[in-house]
Amino acid sequence: MIGRLTGTLLEKNPPQILLDVNGVGYEVEVPMSTFYNLPNLGERVVLVTHMAVREDGHFLYGFGGEDERATFRQLLKISGIGARTALAVLSGMSVADLASAVALQESGRLVKVPGIGKKTAERLLLELKDKLAKALPGVSGTSVSPQYAAQSDIVNALLALGYNDKEANAALKQLPADIGVSEGIRAALKLLSKA
């Protein structure tokens, strides 16, 4: 298997790049997070890679760092998630943002990624809950402040009750920053009933 490539960047055609490694050109698909950090054409680049062998061909995926590759591999282990969807998730949010969304169980952040619907987002959150922290010991979504976690819980409760994002976030802005979850939900419901 090919685990790492070091070579000269020949072409950039998002999400694919062409990398010359000692005269051999490798077509590598990369998430946009890696793509935006690539050097200019003709310059040297180092990528950690994941190689997938399927009936229809051999595919090479490249990443700027080990945390992206580990996250990509965790995403591939989820039933119904293929390489394209995994690349879309990593293109739409950073590894730290994904870890935070998983820790807080915020499906709303994942739904904003093109190609991810509500059911897929919920499945991703459920499947990644314990696995992502183990795969990425350096990136922890659990280091989120209790205040932010409480605000997230309030918004999620309002969304579950049928309010939309705009209404829930508008109500949250009117609440004290250090309010608890249950008091926050009650206060937000009072504010929304007056609107």
Protein backbone atom coordinates (compact mmCIF):
# COMPACT_ATOMS: atom_id res chain seq x y z
CA MET A 1 0.00 0.00 0.00
CA ILE A 2 1.07 3.58 -0.61
CA GLY A 3 1.09 5.47 2.70
CA ARG A 4 3.04 8.63 1.83
CA LEU A 5 4.10 10.52 -1.27
CA THR A 6 6.79 13.16 -1.70
CA GLY A 7 7.09 14.76 -5.10
CA THR A 8 6.58 17.73 -7.40
CA LEU A 9 3.12 19.19 -7.86
CA LEU A 10 2.31 19.10 -11.60
CA GLU A 11 -1.44 19.83 -11.79
CA LYS A 12 -4.24 21.14 -9.58
CA ASN A 13 -7.77 20.26 -10.68
CA PRO A 14 -9.91 20.27 -7.53
CA PRO A 15 -10.35 17.84 -5.89
CA GLN A 16 -7.65 16.03 -7.87
CA ILE A 17 -3.94 16.79 -8.14
CA LEU A 18 -1.14 15.22 -10.16
CA LEU A 19 2.05 14.53 -8.26
CA ASP A 20 5.35 13.57 -9.95
CA VAL A 21 7.30 11.16 -7.75
CA ASN A 22 10.62 10.27 -9.43
CA GLY A 23 9.09 10.28 -12.90
CA VAL A 24 5.84 8.52 -11.97
CA GLY A 25 2.70 10.67 -12.01
CA TYR A 26 0.19 9.90 -9.24
CA GLU A 27 -3.38 11.15 -9.49
CA VAL A 28 -4.44 11.94 -5.93
CA GLU A 29 -7.81 13.15 -4.67
CA VAL A 30 -7.57 15.56 -1.75
CA PRO A 31 -10.12 17.33 0.48
CA MET A 32 -10.37 21.08 -0.05
CA SER A 33 -8.73 21.68 3.35
CA THR A 34 -5.57 20.07 1.96
CA PHE A 35 -6.00 21.59 -1.51
CA TYR A 36 -6.01 25.17 -0.18
CA ASN A 37 -2.70 24.55 1.62
CA LEU A 38 -0.85 23.14 -1.40
CA PRO A 39 2.21 25.01 -2.71
CA ASN A 40 2.47 26.44 -6.24
CA LEU A 41 2.85 24.20 -9.28
CA GLY A 42 6.38 22.87 -9.68
CA GLU A 43 7.05 22.91 -5.94
CA ARG A 44 7.70 19.96 -3.64
CA VAL A 45 4.79 18.54 -1.64
CA VAL A 46 4.48 15.80 0.99
CA LEU A 47 1.14 14.01 1.50
CA VAL A 48 0.10 11.14 3.72
CA THR A 49 -2.14 8.89 1.65
CA HIS A 50 -4.88 6.30 1.77
CA MET A 51 -5.09 3.82 -1.09
CA ALA A 52 -8.39 2.14 -1.92
CA VAL A 53 -8.53 -0.89 -4.21
CA ARG A 54 -11.96 -1.55 -5.67
CA GLU A 55 -13.34 -3.51 -8.61
CA ASP A 56 -13.44 -0.39 -10.77
CA GLY A 57 -9.87 0.72 -10.03
CA HIS A 58 -7.22 1.81 -7.57
CA PHE A 59 -7.78 5.19 -5.93
CA LEU A 60 -5.35 7.34 -4.00
CA TYR A 61 -6.45 9.96 -1.47
CA GLY A 62 -3.99 12.48 -0.07
CA PHE A 63 -4.00 14.54 3.12
CA GLY A 64 -1.89 17.33 4.54
CA GLY A 65 -1.73 15.68 7.96
CA GLU A 66 -2.19 12.43 9.83
CA ASP A 67 -5.28 13.72 11.67
CA GLU A 68 -7.13 14.23 8.36
CA ARG A 69 -6.22 10.76 7.14
CA ALA A 70 -7.27 9.14 10.44
CA THR A 71 -10.60 10.98 10.30
CA PHE A 72 -11.09 9.95 6.65
CA ARG A 73 -10.51 6.32 7.61
CA GLN A 74 -12.99 6.56 10.50
CA LEU A 75 -15.59 8.01 8.14
CA LEU A 76 -15.07 5.16 5.65
CA LYS A 77 -15.85 2.60 8.37
CA ILE A 78 -19.40 3.95 8.67
CA SER A 79 -21.98 2.02 6.69
CA GLY A 80 -23.12 3.96 3.63
CA ILE A 81 -20.26 6.47 3.73
CA GLY A 82 -17.96 6.29 0.74
CA ALA A 83 -14.79 8.13 -0.16
CA ARG A 84 -16.64 10.98 -1.92
CA THR A 85 -18.79 11.68 1.14
CA ALA A 86 -15.80 11.43 3.47
CA LEU A 87 -13.89 13.93 1.29
CA ALA A 88 -16.94 16.23 1.29
CA VAL A 89 -17.06 16.18 5.11
CA LEU A 90 -13.35 17.01 5.36
CA SER A 91 -13.74 19.69 2.69
CA GLY A 92 -16.67 21.26 4.51
CA MET A 93 -15.22 21.36 8.02
CA SER A 94 -11.91 20.98 9.80
CA VAL A 95 -11.07 17.90 11.85
CA ALA A 96 -11.38 19.98 15.03
CA ASP A 97 -14.82 21.27 13.96
CA LEU A 98 -15.96 17.73 13.22
CA ALA A 99 -14.67 16.50 16.59
CA SER A 100 -16.51 19.37 18.30
CA ALA A 101 -19.76 18.65 16.39
CA VAL A 102 -19.50 14.97 17.36
CA ALA A 103 -18.77 15.75 21.02
CA LEU A 104 -21.75 18.12 21.18
CA GLN A 105 -23.92 15.92 18.91
CA GLU A 106 -24.69 18.88 16.62
CA SER A 107 -26.17 17.50 13.42
CA GLY A 108 -26.90 21.03 12.18
CA ARG A 109 -23.21 21.64 11.52
CA LEU A 110 -22.90 18.46 9.44
CA VAL A 111 -26.06 19.13 7.42
CA LYS A 112 -24.37 22.26 6.05
CA VAL A 113 -21.86 20.03 4.22
CA PRO A 114 -23.04 19.43 0.62
CA GLY A 115 -24.36 15.88 0.21
CA ILE A 116 -25.04 15.31 3.92
CA GLY A 117 -28.70 15.07 4.86
CA LYS A 118 -30.25 15.00 8.30
CA LYS A 119 -30.33 11.17 8.59
CA THR A 120 -26.74 10.81 7.38
CA ALA A 121 -25.59 13.52 9.80
CA GLU A 122 -27.30 11.78 12.72
CA ARG A 123 -25.76 8.44 11.73
CA LEU A 124 -22.30 10.05 11.51
CA LEU A 125 -22.68 11.58 14.97
CA LEU A 126 -23.81 8.29 16.46
CA GLU A 127 -21.10 6.18 14.82
CA LEU A 128 -18.25 8.64 15.48
CA LYS A 129 -19.15 9.45 19.08
CA ASP A 130 -16.49 7.32 20.78
CA LYS A 131 -14.32 6.38 17.80
CA LEU A 132 -13.15 9.84 16.74
CA ALA A 133 -11.62 10.70 20.13
CA LYS A 134 -9.70 7.39 20.13
CA ALA A 135 -8.46 7.85 16.57
CA LEU A 136 -7.35 11.44 17.22
CA PRO A 137 -5.86 11.70 20.69
CA GLY A 138 -4.47 15.17 19.92
CA VAL A 139 -7.80 16.59 18.72
CA SER A 140 -10.47 16.55 21.35
CA GLY A 141 -13.96 17.87 20.88
CA THR A 142 -14.55 17.38 24.60
CA SER A 143 -12.46 20.43 25.44
CA VAL A 144 -15.50 22.58 24.73
CA SER A 145 -16.45 24.96 27.51
CA PRO A 146 -19.45 23.95 29.65
CA GLN A 147 -21.05 27.30 28.76
CA TYR A 148 -20.85 26.55 25.02
CA ALA A 149 -22.15 23.02 25.62
CA ALA A 150 -25.16 24.42 27.55
CA GLN A 151 -25.93 26.91 24.78
CA SER A 152 -25.70 24.10 22.22
CA ASP A 153 -28.10 21.95 24.27
CA ILE A 154 -30.58 24.84 24.49
CA VAL A 155 -30.51 25.38 20.72
CA ASN A 156 -30.86 21.63 20.04
CA ALA A 157 -33.85 21.44 22.41
CA LEU A 158 -35.56 24.34 20.62
CA LEU A 159 -34.89 22.72 17.24
CA ALA A 160 -36.38 19.45 18.52
CA LEU A 161 -39.47 21.39 19.61
CA GLY A 162 -40.00 22.60 16.05
CA TYR A 163 -38.36 26.03 16.04
CA ASN A 164 -35.99 26.82 13.18
CA ASP A 165 -32.28 27.77 13.48
CA LYS A 166 -32.96 31.48 13.15
CA GLU A 167 -35.59 31.51 15.93
CA ALA A 168 -33.50 29.33 18.25
CA ASN A 169 -30.34 31.40 17.82
CA ALA A 170 -32.23 34.70 18.17
CA ALA A 171 -33.70 33.49 21.48
CA LEU A 172 -30.28 32.27 22.66
CA LYS A 173 -28.74 35.72 22.08
CA GLN A 174 -31.24 37.23 24.52
CA LEU A 175 -30.31 34.83 27.33
CA PRO A 176 -27.54 35.37 29.91
CA ALA A 177 -24.30 33.68 28.80
CA ASP A 178 -23.97 31.61 31.97
CA ILE A 179 -27.55 30.28 32.10
CA GLY A 180 -28.07 26.55 32.70
CA VAL A 181 -29.74 24.25 30.19
CA SER A 182 -33.15 23.76 31.82
CA GLU A 183 -33.49 27.45 32.84
CA GLY A 184 -32.31 28.47 29.37
CA ILE A 185 -34.90 26.33 27.61
CA ARG A 186 -37.69 27.72 29.81
CA ALA A 187 -36.53 31.33 29.27
CA ALA A 188 -36.14 30.81 25.51
CA LEU A 189 -39.64 29.32 25.26
CA LYS A 190 -41.05 32.37 27.06
CA LEU A 191 -39.23 34.69 24.66
CA LEU A 192 -40.40 32.74 21.62
CA SER A 193 -44.02 32.64 22.80
CA LYS A 194 -44.04 36.45 22.98
CA ALA A 195 -42.68 36.85 19.46
